[in-house]
C-alpha atoms as a PDB file:
ATOM      1  CA  MET A   1     -90.831  30.176  43.518  1.00  0.00           C
ATOM      2  CA  ARG A   2     -91.914  27.184  46.466  1.00  0.00           C
ATOM      3  CA  ILE A   3     -90.283  24.516  43.997  1.00  0.00           C
ATOM      4  CA  ILE A   4     -87.326  26.806  42.964  1.00  0.00           C
ATOM      5  CA  LYS A   5     -86.677  27.051  47.207  1.00  0.00           C
ATOM      6  CA  ILE A   6     -87.277  23.331  47.929  1.00  0.00           C
ATOM      7  CA  LEU A   7     -84.855  22.601  45.670  1.00  0.00           C
ATOM      8  CA  THR A   8     -82.402  25.263  46.694  1.00  0.00           C
ATOM      9  CA  LEU A   9     -82.698  23.669  49.976  1.00  0.00           C
ATOM     10  CA  ILE A  10     -82.459  20.005  48.929  1.00  0.00           C
ATOM     11  CA  ILE A  11     -78.913  20.853  47.044  1.00  0.00           C
ATOM     12  CA  LEU A  12     -77.838  23.139  50.022  1.00  0.00           C
ATOM     13  CA  ILE A  13     -78.767  20.068  52.678  1.00  0.00           C
ATOM     14  CA  SER A  14     -76.634  17.591  50.235  1.00  0.00           C
ATOM     15  CA  ILE A  15     -73.975  19.458  49.763  1.00  0.00           C
ATOM     16  CA  ILE A  16     -73.556  20.325  53.662  1.00  0.00           C
ATOM     17  CA  PHE A  17     -73.891  17.084  54.361  1.00  0.00           C
ATOM     18  CA  SER A  18     -71.447  15.505  51.789  1.00  0.00           C
ATOM     19  CA  SER A  19     -69.267  17.786  53.172  1.00  0.00           C
ATOM     20  CA  PHE A  20     -69.845  16.202  56.924  1.00  0.00           C
ATOM     21  CA  SER A  21     -68.837  12.904  55.707  1.00  0.00           C
ATOM     22  CA  THR A  22     -65.441  14.031  55.158  1.00  0.00           C
ATOM     23  CA  VAL A  23     -64.964  15.781  58.327  1.00  0.00           C
ATOM     24  CA  PHE A  24     -66.738  13.287  60.258  1.00  0.00           C
ATOM     25  CA  ALA A  25     -66.143   9.712  58.842  1.00  0.00           C
ATOM     26  CA  ALA A  26     -63.119   8.615  60.541  1.00  0.00           C
ATOM     27  CA  LYS A  27     -65.664   9.270  64.192  1.00  0.00           C
ATOM     28  CA  THR A  28     -69.087   8.036  63.196  1.00  0.00           C
ATOM     29  CA  PRO A  29     -69.032   6.412  59.772  1.00  0.00           C
ATOM     30  CA  THR A  30     -72.631   4.812  61.035  1.00  0.00           C
ATOM     31  CA  LEU A  31     -73.914   8.127  61.498  1.00  0.00           C
ATOM     32  CA  VAL A  32     -72.974   8.658  57.858  1.00  0.00           C
ATOM     33  CA  ASN A  33     -73.937   6.581  56.315  1.00  0.00           C
ATOM     34  CA  LYS A  34     -77.455   6.623  57.631  1.00  0.00           C
ATOM     35  CA  LEU A  35     -77.643  10.207  56.377  1.00  0.00           C
ATOM     36  CA  ASN A  36     -76.515   9.557  52.814  1.00  0.00           C
ATOM     37  CA  SER A  37     -78.658   6.512  52.834  1.00  0.00           C
ATOM     38  CA  ILE A  38     -81.569   8.946  53.354  1.00  0.00           C
ATOM     39  CA  LEU A  39     -80.472  11.757  51.021  1.00  0.00           C
ATOM     40  CA  LYS A  40     -80.034   8.724  48.467  1.00  0.00           C
ATOM     41  CA  LYS A  41     -83.623   7.335  48.619  1.00  0.00           C
ATOM     42  CA  ILE A  42     -84.617  10.953  49.297  1.00  0.00           C
ATOM     43  CA  LYS A  43     -83.007  11.960  45.483  1.00  0.00           C
ATOM     44  CA  GLU A  44     -84.717   8.137  44.221  1.00  0.00           C
ATOM     45  CA  TYR A  45     -87.981   9.096  45.416  1.00  0.00           C
ATOM     46  CA  MET A  46     -87.943  13.030  43.557  1.00  0.00           C
ATOM     47  CA  ILE A  47     -86.485  11.062  40.145  1.00  0.00           C
ATOM     48  CA  LYS A  48     -89.609   8.929  40.302  1.00  0.00           C
ATOM     49  CA  LEU A  49     -92.012  11.485  41.046  1.00  0.00           C
ATOM     50  CA  ALA A  50     -90.967  14.341  38.720  1.00  0.00           C
ATOM     51  CA  GLY A  51     -91.498  12.626  35.657  1.00  0.00           C
ATOM     52  CA  PRO A  52     -94.976  11.971  36.480  1.00  0.00           C
ATOM     53  CA  ALA A  53     -95.524  15.531  37.891  1.00  0.00           C
ATOM     54  CA  ALA A  54     -93.675  17.582  34.977  1.00  0.00           C
ATOM     55  CA  ALA A  55     -96.357  14.861  32.011  1.00  0.00           C
ATOM     56  CA  LEU A  56     -99.394  15.957  34.532  1.00  0.00           C
ATOM     57  CA  ALA A  57     -98.510  19.868  34.636  1.00  0.00           C
ATOM     58  CA  ILE A  58     -98.160  19.927  30.514  1.00  0.00           C
ATOM     59  CA  ALA A  59    -100.821  18.608  30.308  1.00  0.00           C
ATOM     60  CA  THR A  60    -102.765  21.026  32.229  1.00  0.00           C
ATOM     61  CA  GLY A  61    -101.036  23.524  30.438  1.00  0.00           C
ATOM     62  CA  VAL A  62    -101.808  22.009  26.841  1.00  0.00           C
ATOM     63  CA  MET A  63    -105.581  21.636  28.558  1.00  0.00           C
ATOM     64  CA  ILE A  64    -105.828  25.151  29.519  1.00  0.00           C
ATOM     65  CA  ARG A  65    -105.017  26.208  26.146  1.00  0.00           C
ATOM     66  CA  LYS A  66    -106.964  24.194  24.489  1.00  0.00           C
ATOM     67  CA  LEU A  67    -110.136  25.440  26.415  1.00  0.00           C
ATOM     68  CA  SER A  68    -108.974  28.841  26.412  1.00  0.00           C
ATOM     69  CA  PHE A  69    -111.276  29.705  23.077  1.00  0.00           C
ATOM     70  CA  GLY A  70    -109.098  32.440  21.844  1.00  0.00           C
ATOM     71  CA  ASP A  71    -109.494  34.191  25.419  1.00  0.00           C
ATOM     72  CA  GLU A  72    -105.225  35.571  25.166  1.00  0.00           C
ATOM     73  CA  GLU A  73    -104.986  36.072  28.640  1.00  0.00           C
ATOM     74  CA  LYS A  74    -105.758  31.802  29.217  1.00  0.00           C
ATOM     75  CA  MET A  75    -103.060  31.615  26.120  1.00  0.00           C
ATOM     76  CA  ILE A  76    -100.368  32.851  28.272  1.00  0.00           C
ATOM     77  CA  ILE A  77    -101.588  30.903  31.267  1.00  0.00           C
ATOM     78  CA  GLY A  78    -101.426  27.835  29.637  1.00  0.00           C
ATOM     79  CA  LYS A  79     -98.107  28.569  27.923  1.00  0.00           C
ATOM     80  CA  ARG A  80     -96.241  29.756  31.564  1.00  0.00           C
ATOM     81  CA  VAL A  81     -97.760  26.286  33.168  1.00  0.00           C
ATOM     82  CA  ILE A  82     -96.173  24.489  29.730  1.00  0.00           C
ATOM     83  CA  ILE A  83     -92.467  26.790  30.354  1.00  0.00           C
ATOM     84  CA  ASN A  84     -92.682  26.169  33.947  1.00  0.00           C
ATOM     85  CA  ALA A  85     -93.131  22.030  34.053  1.00  0.00           C
ATOM     86  CA  ILE A  86     -90.640  22.167  31.503  1.00  0.00           C
ATOM     87  CA  PHE A  87     -88.349  24.534  33.546  1.00  0.00           C
ATOM     88  CA  CYS A  88     -88.903  22.454  36.810  1.00  0.00           C
ATOM     89  CA  TYR A  89     -87.865  19.249  35.559  1.00  0.00           C
ATOM     90  CA  PHE A  90     -84.891  20.186  33.888  1.00  0.00           C
ATOM     91  CA  ILE A  91     -83.885  21.860  37.354  1.00  0.00           C
ATOM     92  CA  ILE A  92     -85.057  18.310  39.217  1.00  0.00           C
ATOM     93  CA  LEU A  93     -82.939  16.348  36.781  1.00  0.00           C
ATOM     94  CA  LEU A  94     -79.627  19.004  37.306  1.00  0.00           C
ATOM     95  CA  VAL A  95     -79.873  18.663  41.173  1.00  0.00           C
ATOM     96  CA  ASP A  96     -79.485  14.726  40.152  1.00  0.00           C
ATOM     97  CA  LEU A  97     -76.563  15.707  38.209  1.00  0.00           C
ATOM     98  CA  ILE A  98     -75.125  17.778  41.302  1.00  0.00           C
ATOM     99  CA  ILE A  99     -75.677  14.891  44.089  1.00  0.00           C
ATOM    100  CA  LYS A 100     -73.742  12.399  41.565  1.00  0.00           C
ATOM    101  CA  PHE A 101     -71.116  14.617  40.965  1.00  0.00           C
ATOM    102  CA  ILE A 102     -70.564  15.417  44.670  1.00  0.00           C
ATOM    103  CA  GLU A 103     -70.663  11.388  45.770  1.00  0.00           C
ATOM    104  CA  ALA A 104     -67.885  11.425  43.050  1.00  0.00           C
ATOM    105  CA  LEU A 105     -65.521  13.548  45.001  1.00  0.00           C
ATOM    106  CA  VAL A 106     -66.497  12.578  48.352  1.00  0.00           C
END
């Protein structure tokens, strides 16, 4: 839940800043350029960290399942970890596509 809230906040901030660039572009282009470059750097770091983090989470889920020794509760927990890791990685990739779409509109 915490990751979804953070990603939603990042999407909203990117939408807000992209709308600022159209409204205030004539008055303060340097501010808008700085904000856009900051958002691009954040996006790049997020994409760079997402792959290894998802791989680590999937590996953790697999290890939980392997080391459960037949315990159904641990098997379910391992499966949830794997599914959530894949889902969160997919959301991060969607955020990248959404930001590229917004940049194309602006």
